[in-house]
Amino acid sequence: MTYLSLIAIACSLIVALGALGASIGIAMVGSNHLESSARQPELIGPLQTKLFLIAGLIDAAFLIGAQLPCCLPSLNRSKVNRYFRFV
């Protein structure tokens, strides 16, 4: 295996596990929303607003995390050293 193939495998694992975590997080938020809406129906409006806000933040965190592995193969050691001084 070459260096680039290992980077491709690592990037795909990062994106896949990030998608899995985001989908589990949104599912947990949705199930808790349904449970709390069944207990107190008068709070459906405020709870739904918070549900969409939290789901958007979870999805945004996944999309930001998915950008990093896409940029990794294009970086080489000299570019990284220019921005981050490793000791």
Protein backbone atom coordinates (compact mmCIF):
# COMPACT_ATOMS: atom_id res chain seq x y z
CA MET A 1 0.00 0.00 0.00
CA THR A 2 1.21 3.43 -0.82
CA TYR A 3 1.11 6.50 1.34
CA LEU A 4 -1.78 8.03 -0.61
CA SER A 5 -3.90 4.89 -0.37
CA LEU A 6 -3.51 4.89 3.41
CA ILE A 7 -4.54 8.55 3.51
CA ALA A 8 -7.61 7.75 1.40
CA ILE A 9 -8.60 4.93 3.76
CA ALA A 10 -8.10 7.16 6.81
CA CYS A 11 -10.12 9.98 5.25
CA SER A 12 -12.99 7.67 4.38
CA LEU A 13 -13.02 6.28 7.93
CA ILE A 14 -13.07 9.78 9.40
CA VAL A 15 -16.02 10.81 7.23
CA ALA A 16 -17.89 7.53 7.81
CA LEU A 17 -17.52 7.62 11.58
CA GLY A 18 -18.46 11.30 11.63
CA ALA A 19 -21.63 10.57 9.66
CA LEU A 20 -22.44 7.69 11.98
CA GLY A 21 -22.00 9.89 15.05
CA ALA A 22 -24.07 12.71 13.57
CA SER A 23 -26.91 10.38 12.62
CA ILE A 24 -26.93 8.78 16.08
CA GLY A 25 -26.92 12.23 17.70
CA ILE A 26 -29.83 13.48 15.59
CA ALA A 27 -31.76 10.25 16.26
CA MET A 28 -31.28 10.64 20.02
CA VAL A 29 -32.39 14.28 19.91
CA GLY A 30 -35.44 13.33 17.84
CA SER A 31 -36.47 10.50 20.15
CA ASN A 32 -36.13 12.73 23.21
CA HIS A 33 -38.19 15.40 21.43
CA LEU A 34 -40.99 12.92 20.77
CA GLU A 35 -40.88 11.68 24.35
CA SER A 36 -41.03 15.17 25.85
CA SER A 37 -43.75 16.25 23.40
CA ALA A 38 -45.88 13.31 24.49
CA ARG A 39 -45.44 14.23 28.14
CA GLN A 40 -46.14 17.97 27.74
CA PRO A 41 -48.00 18.74 24.50
CA GLU A 42 -48.20 22.47 25.32
CA LEU A 43 -44.42 22.76 24.86
CA ILE A 44 -44.29 21.37 21.31
CA GLY A 45 -43.54 24.77 19.74
CA PRO A 46 -40.49 25.72 21.85
CA LEU A 47 -39.23 22.15 21.84
CA GLN A 48 -39.48 21.93 18.06
CA THR A 49 -37.47 25.14 17.69
CA LYS A 50 -34.75 23.72 19.93
CA LEU A 51 -34.87 20.40 18.04
CA PHE A 52 -34.17 22.08 14.71
CA LEU A 53 -31.43 24.24 16.24
CA ILE A 54 -29.64 21.25 17.79
CA ALA A 55 -30.06 19.13 14.63
CA GLY A 56 -28.58 21.95 12.54
CA LEU A 57 -25.61 22.30 14.87
CA ILE A 58 -24.95 18.56 14.83
CA ASP A 59 -25.14 18.51 11.04
CA ALA A 60 -22.89 21.57 10.76
CA ALA A 61 -20.31 19.97 13.04
CA PHE A 62 -20.28 16.91 10.80
CA LEU A 63 -19.89 19.00 7.65
CA ILE A 64 -17.01 20.95 9.17
CA GLY A 65 -15.40 17.69 10.25
CA ALA A 66 -15.86 16.24 6.78
CA GLN A 67 -13.91 19.10 5.21
CA LEU A 68 -10.67 18.29 7.02
CA PRO A 69 -10.11 14.81 5.52
CA CYS A 70 -10.86 16.17 2.06
CA CYS A 71 -8.03 18.69 2.47
CA LEU A 72 -5.49 16.28 3.97
CA PRO A 73 -4.24 14.63 0.75
CA SER A 74 -3.44 17.99 -0.82
CA LEU A 75 -1.20 19.05 2.07
CA ASN A 76 2.42 18.14 2.13
CA ARG A 77 4.87 18.45 4.99
CA SER A 78 6.35 21.79 3.88
CA LYS A 79 2.94 23.50 3.78
CA VAL A 80 2.05 22.13 7.18
CA ASN A 81 5.36 23.26 8.66
CA ARG A 82 4.84 26.73 7.27
CA TYR A 83 1.58 27.17 9.22
CA PHE A 84 2.33 25.10 12.30
CA ARG A 85 5.81 25.08 13.75
CA PHE A 86 6.45 21.53 14.96
CA VAL A 87 9.15 21.03 17.52
